[in-house]
Amino acid sequence: MKTAMINCIIPVSIGGLIYMLGRHDSLKMFQWFQLLHLEAYIYHFRTVYKDSITSGMPAWMLYSLPDALWMYSFTSAVLLSWKRRLTIYLLIPFILGAGSEIGQYFYVVRGTYDFNDLLCYCTGFLLSIIIITKPQTNVQESPVDTHYL
């Protein structure tokens, strides 16, 4: 559970927080907030924290980092579901993320193509594979020496 929290839940939550604070409220997620009757809380949160968190943030962090975090989380979830094995199912997050960006380039998918987004999708995908499939080292704690107790 700890591995899933660190590699799946936290990164996608950070990406969502960046979107919530720094992106325009015309995004689909703000419609979801409205459906869940959370818009007053979100508006308050944006009013209080937006400038302090996003003011010095470079554009790539505001617009492309959430893509990398989403891809990292999704790829990690697939890897952890398949016990850290490389499977054909890893194509799902990659096709959805990088494929949607390439689709934007060819005007097949609604949105604006951005090379930085594509680069971040690929980076998040590869980092997840590198980190999650890294051989696990089992550190065993030494037993408590009761001789002195």
N, C-alpha and C. Protein backbone atom coordinates (compact mmCIF):
# COMPACT_ATOMS: atom_id res chain seq x y z
N MET A 1 0.83 -1.20 0.00
CA MET A 1 0.00 0.00 0.00
C MET A 1 0.86 1.25 0.00
N LYS A 2 1.97 1.23 0.75
CA LYS A 2 2.86 2.38 0.81
C LYS A 2 3.44 2.69 -0.57
N THR A 3 3.82 1.65 -1.32
CA THR A 3 4.37 1.83 -2.66
C THR A 3 3.33 2.44 -3.58
N ALA A 4 2.09 1.98 -3.50
CA ALA A 4 1.01 2.53 -4.33
C ALA A 4 0.75 3.98 -3.96
N MET A 5 0.79 4.30 -2.70
CA MET A 5 0.56 5.67 -2.25
C MET A 5 1.64 6.59 -2.81
N ILE A 6 2.89 6.19 -2.67
CA ILE A 6 4.01 7.03 -3.11
C ILE A 6 4.06 7.16 -4.63
N ASN A 7 3.81 6.09 -5.34
CA ASN A 7 4.00 6.09 -6.78
C ASN A 7 2.74 6.33 -7.60
N CYS A 8 1.59 6.21 -7.00
CA CYS A 8 0.35 6.39 -7.76
C CYS A 8 -0.49 7.57 -7.26
N ILE A 9 -0.80 7.57 -5.99
CA ILE A 9 -1.74 8.55 -5.45
C ILE A 9 -1.10 9.93 -5.28
N ILE A 10 0.07 9.99 -4.70
CA ILE A 10 0.71 11.29 -4.45
C ILE A 10 1.04 12.04 -5.74
N PRO A 11 1.68 11.41 -6.74
CA PRO A 11 1.99 12.17 -7.96
C PRO A 11 0.75 12.71 -8.68
N VAL A 12 -0.29 11.88 -8.82
CA VAL A 12 -1.48 12.36 -9.53
C VAL A 12 -2.19 13.44 -8.70
N SER A 13 -2.10 13.37 -7.39
CA SER A 13 -2.69 14.41 -6.53
C SER A 13 -1.94 15.73 -6.68
N ILE A 14 -0.63 15.67 -6.76
CA ILE A 14 0.17 16.89 -6.96
C ILE A 14 -0.17 17.50 -8.32
N GLY A 15 -0.27 16.67 -9.35
CA GLY A 15 -0.64 17.16 -10.68
C GLY A 15 -2.01 17.81 -10.67
N GLY A 16 -2.96 17.19 -9.99
CA GLY A 16 -4.31 17.76 -9.87
C GLY A 16 -4.30 19.07 -9.12
N LEU A 17 -3.48 19.17 -8.09
CA LEU A 17 -3.36 20.41 -7.32
C LEU A 17 -2.79 21.53 -8.19
N ILE A 18 -1.79 21.21 -9.01
CA ILE A 18 -1.23 22.21 -9.93
C ILE A 18 -2.31 22.68 -10.89
N TYR A 19 -3.08 21.74 -11.45
CA TYR A 19 -4.17 22.11 -12.35
C TYR A 19 -5.20 22.97 -11.63
N MET A 20 -5.57 22.55 -10.44
CA MET A 20 -6.61 23.24 -9.70
C MET A 20 -6.22 24.68 -9.37
N LEU A 21 -4.95 24.87 -9.00
CA LEU A 21 -4.50 26.20 -8.61
C LEU A 21 -4.10 27.08 -9.79
N GLY A 22 -3.48 26.48 -10.80
CA GLY A 22 -2.87 27.31 -11.82
C GLY A 22 -3.52 27.36 -13.17
N ARG A 23 -4.48 26.48 -13.43
CA ARG A 23 -5.06 26.43 -14.75
C ARG A 23 -6.41 27.14 -14.79
N HIS A 24 -6.86 27.44 -15.99
CA HIS A 24 -8.12 28.17 -16.18
C HIS A 24 -9.30 27.30 -15.76
N ASP A 25 -10.32 27.94 -15.22
CA ASP A 25 -11.46 27.19 -14.71
C ASP A 25 -12.40 26.68 -15.81
N SER A 26 -12.00 26.81 -17.06
CA SER A 26 -12.79 26.24 -18.15
C SER A 26 -12.46 24.77 -18.38
N LEU A 27 -11.46 24.26 -17.68
CA LEU A 27 -11.09 22.84 -17.82
C LEU A 27 -12.20 21.94 -17.28
N LYS A 28 -12.26 20.75 -17.82
CA LYS A 28 -13.30 19.77 -17.47
C LYS A 28 -13.35 19.48 -15.97
N MET A 29 -12.19 19.47 -15.31
CA MET A 29 -12.19 19.12 -13.88
C MET A 29 -13.01 20.11 -13.05
N PHE A 30 -13.09 21.36 -13.51
CA PHE A 30 -13.88 22.34 -12.77
C PHE A 30 -15.38 22.07 -12.92
N GLN A 31 -15.78 21.48 -14.04
CA GLN A 31 -17.17 21.04 -14.20
C GLN A 31 -17.46 19.89 -13.24
N TRP A 32 -16.48 19.01 -13.04
CA TRP A 32 -16.65 17.91 -12.09
C TRP A 32 -16.80 18.45 -10.67
N PHE A 33 -15.99 19.47 -10.34
CA PHE A 33 -16.10 20.08 -9.02
C PHE A 33 -17.51 20.65 -8.82
N GLN A 34 -18.04 21.25 -9.89
CA GLN A 34 -19.38 21.82 -9.82
C GLN A 34 -20.42 20.73 -9.59
N LEU A 35 -20.30 19.63 -10.31
CA LEU A 35 -21.24 18.51 -10.14
C LEU A 35 -21.20 17.94 -8.73
N LEU A 36 -20.01 17.98 -8.12
CA LEU A 36 -19.84 17.46 -6.76
C LEU A 36 -20.11 18.53 -5.69
N HIS A 37 -20.55 19.71 -6.14
CA HIS A 37 -20.84 20.84 -5.26
C HIS A 37 -19.62 21.26 -4.45
N LEU A 38 -18.47 21.23 -5.09
CA LEU A 38 -17.22 21.62 -4.44
C LEU A 38 -16.70 22.97 -4.93
N GLU A 39 -17.41 23.60 -5.87
CA GLU A 39 -16.87 24.81 -6.49
C GLU A 39 -16.59 25.93 -5.50
N ALA A 40 -17.39 26.08 -4.45
CA ALA A 40 -17.15 27.13 -3.46
C ALA A 40 -15.84 26.88 -2.71
N TYR A 41 -15.59 25.63 -2.35
CA TYR A 41 -14.35 25.28 -1.66
C TYR A 41 -13.14 25.47 -2.57
N ILE A 42 -13.28 25.04 -3.82
CA ILE A 42 -12.19 25.16 -4.78
C ILE A 42 -11.90 26.63 -5.06
N TYR A 43 -12.95 27.42 -5.24
CA TYR A 43 -12.76 28.86 -5.49
C TYR A 43 -12.04 29.50 -4.30
N HIS A 44 -12.45 29.17 -3.09
CA HIS A 44 -11.79 29.71 -1.90
C HIS A 44 -10.32 29.29 -1.86
N PHE A 45 -10.05 28.02 -2.10
CA PHE A 45 -8.69 27.50 -2.10
C PHE A 45 -7.84 28.22 -3.15
N ARG A 46 -8.40 28.41 -4.36
CA ARG A 46 -7.68 29.11 -5.43
C ARG A 46 -7.42 30.57 -5.05
N THR A 47 -8.39 31.20 -4.43
CA THR A 47 -8.24 32.61 -4.04
C THR A 47 -7.14 32.77 -3.00
N VAL A 48 -7.09 31.88 -2.04
CA VAL A 48 -6.14 32.00 -0.94
C VAL A 48 -4.72 31.59 -1.34
N TYR A 49 -4.59 30.48 -2.10
CA TYR A 49 -3.26 29.89 -2.32
C TYR A 49 -2.67 30.04 -3.71
N LYS A 50 -3.46 30.42 -4.69
CA LYS A 50 -2.99 30.41 -6.08
C LYS A 50 -1.71 31.22 -6.27
N ASP A 51 -1.71 32.47 -5.88
CA ASP A 51 -0.55 33.33 -6.12
C ASP A 51 0.69 32.86 -5.38
N SER A 52 0.53 32.43 -4.15
CA SER A 52 1.71 32.02 -3.37
C SER A 52 2.34 30.74 -3.92
N ILE A 53 1.56 29.88 -4.54
CA ILE A 53 2.10 28.62 -5.04
C ILE A 53 2.53 28.71 -6.49
N THR A 54 1.76 29.37 -7.33
CA THR A 54 2.03 29.35 -8.77
C THR A 54 2.78 30.57 -9.30
N SER A 55 2.99 31.60 -8.49
CA SER A 55 3.58 32.84 -9.01
C SER A 55 4.99 32.65 -9.56
N GLY A 56 5.84 31.90 -8.91
CA GLY A 56 7.20 31.71 -9.40
C GLY A 56 7.39 30.44 -10.20
N MET A 57 6.30 29.76 -10.49
CA MET A 57 6.38 28.47 -11.18
C MET A 57 6.65 28.67 -12.67
N PRO A 58 7.68 28.00 -13.21
CA PRO A 58 7.93 28.09 -14.65
C PRO A 58 6.74 27.53 -15.44
N ALA A 59 6.57 28.00 -16.66
CA ALA A 59 5.43 27.59 -17.49
C ALA A 59 5.38 26.08 -17.69
N TRP A 60 6.53 25.44 -17.86
CA TRP A 60 6.51 23.99 -18.11
C TRP A 60 5.97 23.23 -16.91
N MET A 61 6.23 23.76 -15.69
CA MET A 61 5.72 23.10 -14.49
C MET A 61 4.20 23.25 -14.40
N LEU A 62 3.72 24.40 -14.78
CA LEU A 62 2.29 24.67 -14.71
C LEU A 62 1.51 23.90 -15.77
N TYR A 63 2.08 23.83 -16.98
CA TYR A 63 1.34 23.26 -18.10
C TYR A 63 1.72 21.83 -18.47
N SER A 64 2.95 21.40 -18.20
CA SER A 64 3.40 20.08 -18.66
C SER A 64 3.71 19.09 -17.54
N LEU A 65 4.16 19.57 -16.39
CA LEU A 65 4.48 18.66 -15.28
C LEU A 65 3.29 17.80 -14.86
N PRO A 66 2.06 18.34 -14.81
CA PRO A 66 0.93 17.47 -14.46
C PRO A 66 0.79 16.27 -15.41
N ASP A 67 1.16 16.46 -16.68
CA ASP A 67 1.11 15.34 -17.64
C ASP A 67 2.10 14.26 -17.24
N ALA A 68 3.31 14.66 -16.87
CA ALA A 68 4.33 13.69 -16.46
C ALA A 68 3.89 12.96 -15.20
N LEU A 69 3.32 13.69 -14.25
CA LEU A 69 2.87 13.08 -13.00
C LEU A 69 1.71 12.10 -13.23
N TRP A 70 0.79 12.49 -14.12
CA TRP A 70 -0.32 11.61 -14.46
C TRP A 70 0.21 10.32 -15.10
N MET A 71 1.12 10.48 -16.07
CA MET A 71 1.68 9.31 -16.76
C MET A 71 2.45 8.42 -15.79
N TYR A 72 3.24 9.05 -14.91
CA TYR A 72 4.00 8.28 -13.92
C TYR A 72 3.04 7.47 -13.04
N SER A 73 1.98 8.10 -12.56
CA SER A 73 1.01 7.43 -11.69
C SER A 73 0.32 6.27 -12.39
N PHE A 74 -0.15 6.53 -13.60
CA PHE A 74 -0.89 5.52 -14.35
C PHE A 74 0.02 4.33 -14.68
N THR A 75 1.22 4.62 -15.16
CA THR A 75 2.16 3.55 -15.50
C THR A 75 2.55 2.76 -14.25
N SER A 76 2.76 3.45 -13.14
CA SER A 76 3.09 2.77 -11.88
C SER A 76 1.95 1.87 -11.44
N ALA A 77 0.72 2.33 -11.59
CA ALA A 77 -0.44 1.52 -11.21
C ALA A 77 -0.50 0.24 -12.04
N VAL A 78 -0.23 0.36 -13.34
CA VAL A 78 -0.23 -0.82 -14.21
C VAL A 78 0.88 -1.78 -13.79
N LEU A 79 2.07 -1.23 -13.57
CA LEU A 79 3.21 -2.07 -13.17
C LEU A 79 2.95 -2.76 -11.84
N LEU A 80 2.43 -2.04 -10.87
CA LEU A 80 2.17 -2.63 -9.56
C LEU A 80 1.05 -3.67 -9.64
N SER A 81 0.08 -3.44 -10.51
CA SER A 81 -0.99 -4.42 -10.70
C SER A 81 -0.46 -5.73 -11.28
N TRP A 82 0.57 -5.62 -12.08
CA TRP A 82 1.16 -6.80 -12.72
C TRP A 82 2.45 -7.23 -12.03
N LYS A 83 2.55 -6.93 -10.75
CA LYS A 83 3.69 -7.36 -9.92
C LYS A 83 5.04 -6.96 -10.52
N ARG A 84 5.10 -5.72 -10.99
CA ARG A 84 6.33 -5.10 -11.51
C ARG A 84 6.84 -5.72 -12.80
N ARG A 85 6.00 -6.48 -13.48
CA ARG A 85 6.43 -7.10 -14.74
C ARG A 85 6.05 -6.19 -15.91
N LEU A 86 6.93 -6.18 -16.91
CA LEU A 86 6.64 -5.43 -18.13
C LEU A 86 5.63 -6.24 -18.94
N THR A 87 4.47 -5.66 -19.21
CA THR A 87 3.43 -6.36 -19.95
C THR A 87 2.92 -5.47 -21.08
N ILE A 88 2.14 -6.06 -21.94
CA ILE A 88 1.52 -5.32 -23.05
C ILE A 88 0.59 -4.23 -22.52
N TYR A 89 0.09 -4.40 -21.29
CA TYR A 89 -0.83 -3.43 -20.70
C TYR A 89 -0.18 -2.08 -20.43
N LEU A 90 1.15 -2.05 -20.45
CA LEU A 90 1.84 -0.76 -20.29
C LEU A 90 1.57 0.16 -21.47
N LEU A 91 1.13 -0.41 -22.58
CA LEU A 91 0.80 0.43 -23.73
C LEU A 91 -0.43 1.30 -23.47
N ILE A 92 -1.29 0.88 -22.56
CA ILE A 92 -2.52 1.64 -22.29
C ILE A 92 -2.21 3.06 -21.84
N PRO A 93 -1.44 3.28 -20.75
CA PRO A 93 -1.17 4.66 -20.36
C PRO A 93 -0.38 5.41 -21.44
N PHE A 94 0.55 4.74 -22.07
CA PHE A 94 1.37 5.42 -23.08
C PHE A 94 0.53 5.86 -24.27
N ILE A 95 -0.34 4.99 -24.75
CA ILE A 95 -1.19 5.36 -25.90
C ILE A 95 -2.16 6.46 -25.52
N LEU A 96 -2.74 6.37 -24.32
CA LEU A 96 -3.68 7.41 -23.90
C LEU A 96 -2.99 8.77 -23.75
N GLY A 97 -1.82 8.79 -23.13
CA GLY A 97 -1.13 10.06 -22.90
C GLY A 97 -0.44 10.59 -24.14
N ALA A 98 0.60 9.88 -24.57
CA ALA A 98 1.37 10.33 -25.73
C ALA A 98 0.52 10.30 -26.99
N GLY A 99 -0.36 9.30 -27.09
CA GLY A 99 -1.23 9.20 -28.26
C GLY A 99 -2.18 10.37 -28.38
N SER A 100 -2.70 10.84 -27.26
CA SER A 100 -3.60 12.00 -27.31
C SER A 100 -2.85 13.25 -27.74
N GLU A 101 -1.61 13.37 -27.31
CA GLU A 101 -0.81 14.54 -27.70
C GLU A 101 -0.49 14.49 -29.20
N ILE A 102 -0.14 13.31 -29.69
CA ILE A 102 0.12 13.16 -31.12
C ILE A 102 -1.17 13.39 -31.91
N GLY A 103 -2.29 12.93 -31.37
CA GLY A 103 -3.59 13.19 -31.98
C GLY A 103 -3.90 14.67 -32.07
N GLN A 104 -3.47 15.44 -31.08
CA GLN A 104 -3.65 16.89 -31.13
C GLN A 104 -2.82 17.51 -32.25
N TYR A 105 -1.64 16.97 -32.47
CA TYR A 105 -0.77 17.46 -33.54
C TYR A 105 -1.45 17.32 -34.90
N PHE A 106 -2.15 16.20 -35.09
CA PHE A 106 -2.81 15.92 -36.36
C PHE A 106 -4.28 16.37 -36.37
N TYR A 107 -4.70 17.11 -35.36
CA TYR A 107 -6.07 17.64 -35.24
C TYR A 107 -7.13 16.54 -35.18
N VAL A 108 -6.75 15.39 -34.69
CA VAL A 108 -7.69 14.29 -34.51
C VAL A 108 -8.29 14.36 -33.10
N VAL A 109 -7.52 14.87 -32.17
CA VAL A 109 -7.94 15.02 -30.77
C VAL A 109 -8.02 16.52 -30.48
N ARG A 110 -9.08 16.92 -29.78
CA ARG A 110 -9.27 18.32 -29.41
C ARG A 110 -8.17 18.75 -28.44
N GLY A 111 -7.61 19.92 -28.66
CA GLY A 111 -6.57 20.45 -27.79
C GLY A 111 -5.44 21.04 -28.60
N THR A 112 -4.45 21.53 -27.88
CA THR A 112 -3.30 22.16 -28.52
C THR A 112 -2.08 21.29 -28.31
N TYR A 113 -1.46 20.88 -29.41
CA TYR A 113 -0.25 20.07 -29.33
C TYR A 113 0.87 20.88 -28.69
N ASP A 114 1.61 20.24 -27.80
CA ASP A 114 2.77 20.87 -27.18
C ASP A 114 3.86 19.82 -27.05
N PHE A 115 5.01 20.09 -27.65
CA PHE A 115 6.12 19.14 -27.59
C PHE A 115 6.53 18.87 -26.15
N ASN A 116 6.48 19.90 -25.29
CA ASN A 116 6.84 19.70 -23.87
C ASN A 116 5.91 18.69 -23.20
N ASP A 117 4.63 18.73 -23.56
CA ASP A 117 3.68 17.75 -23.00
C ASP A 117 4.07 16.34 -23.42
N LEU A 118 4.39 16.18 -24.71
CA LEU A 118 4.79 14.86 -25.22
C LEU A 118 6.05 14.38 -24.52
N LEU A 119 7.01 15.29 -24.35
CA LEU A 119 8.25 14.95 -23.66
C LEU A 119 7.97 14.54 -22.21
N CYS A 120 7.08 15.25 -21.55
CA CYS A 120 6.75 14.93 -20.16
C CYS A 120 6.01 13.60 -20.05
N TYR A 121 5.12 13.31 -20.99
CA TYR A 121 4.46 12.00 -20.99
C TYR A 121 5.49 10.89 -21.10
N CYS A 122 6.42 11.04 -22.04
CA CYS A 122 7.46 10.01 -22.24
C CYS A 122 8.36 9.89 -21.02
N THR A 123 8.71 11.01 -20.41
CA THR A 123 9.56 11.01 -19.22
C THR A 123 8.86 10.31 -18.05
N GLY A 124 7.61 10.66 -17.80
CA GLY A 124 6.85 10.01 -16.72
C GLY A 124 6.72 8.52 -16.93
N PHE A 125 6.50 8.12 -18.17
CA PHE A 125 6.38 6.70 -18.53
C PHE A 125 7.68 5.96 -18.23
N LEU A 126 8.79 6.50 -18.74
CA LEU A 126 10.09 5.84 -18.56
C LEU A 126 10.55 5.84 -17.11
N LEU A 127 10.36 6.95 -16.41
CA LEU A 127 10.76 7.01 -15.00
C LEU A 127 10.01 5.96 -14.17
N SER A 128 8.74 5.81 -14.44
CA SER A 128 7.97 4.80 -13.71
C SER A 128 8.54 3.41 -13.94
N ILE A 129 8.82 3.09 -15.19
CA ILE A 129 9.37 1.76 -15.50
C ILE A 129 10.71 1.57 -14.81
N ILE A 130 11.56 2.58 -14.85
CA ILE A 130 12.89 2.48 -14.23
C ILE A 130 12.77 2.30 -12.72
N ILE A 131 11.93 3.10 -12.09
CA ILE A 131 11.82 3.08 -10.63
C ILE A 131 11.07 1.84 -10.13
N ILE A 132 9.95 1.52 -10.74
CA ILE A 132 9.12 0.42 -10.24
C ILE A 132 9.74 -0.94 -10.52
N THR A 133 10.41 -1.09 -11.66
CA THR A 133 10.98 -2.41 -11.98
C THR A 133 12.38 -2.60 -11.43
N LYS A 134 12.90 -1.59 -10.76
CA LYS A 134 14.22 -1.71 -10.14
C LYS A 134 14.20 -2.87 -9.15
N PRO A 135 15.21 -3.73 -9.19
CA PRO A 135 15.22 -4.86 -8.24
C PRO A 135 15.10 -4.37 -6.80
N GLN A 136 14.26 -5.04 -6.05
CA GLN A 136 14.03 -4.68 -4.66
C GLN A 136 15.13 -5.23 -3.78
N THR A 137 15.64 -4.39 -2.92
CA THR A 137 16.63 -4.86 -1.95
C THR A 137 15.90 -5.05 -0.63
N ASN A 138 15.98 -6.22 -0.10
CA ASN A 138 15.32 -6.52 1.17
C ASN A 138 16.28 -6.21 2.31
N VAL A 139 15.97 -5.16 3.00
CA VAL A 139 16.78 -4.79 4.16
C VAL A 139 16.12 -5.43 5.37
N GLN A 140 16.85 -6.29 6.02
CA GLN A 140 16.31 -6.96 7.19
C GLN A 140 16.88 -6.31 8.44
N GLU A 141 15.97 -6.08 9.36
CA GLU A 141 16.41 -5.52 10.63
C GLU A 141 17.07 -6.62 11.44
N SER A 142 18.11 -6.23 12.14
CA SER A 142 18.75 -7.22 13.00
C SER A 142 17.86 -7.45 14.22
N PRO A 143 17.82 -8.69 14.69
CA PRO A 143 16.98 -8.98 15.85
C PRO A 143 17.49 -8.21 17.07
N VAL A 144 16.57 -7.90 17.95
CA VAL A 144 16.93 -7.18 19.17
C VAL A 144 17.74 -8.12 20.06
N ASP A 145 18.86 -7.60 20.51
CA ASP A 145 19.72 -8.40 21.40
C ASP A 145 19.18 -8.24 22.83
N THR A 146 18.61 -9.29 23.34
CA THR A 146 18.02 -9.24 24.68
C THR A 146 19.03 -9.60 25.76
N HIS A 147 20.26 -9.84 25.36
CA HIS A 147 21.29 -10.22 26.32
C HIS A 147 21.47 -9.16 27.40
N TYR A 148 21.34 -7.87 27.01
CA TYR A 148 21.59 -6.80 27.96
C TYR A 148 20.33 -6.35 28.68
N LEU A 149 19.19 -6.91 28.37
CA LEU A 149 17.95 -6.47 29.01
C LEU A 149 17.75 -7.09 30.35
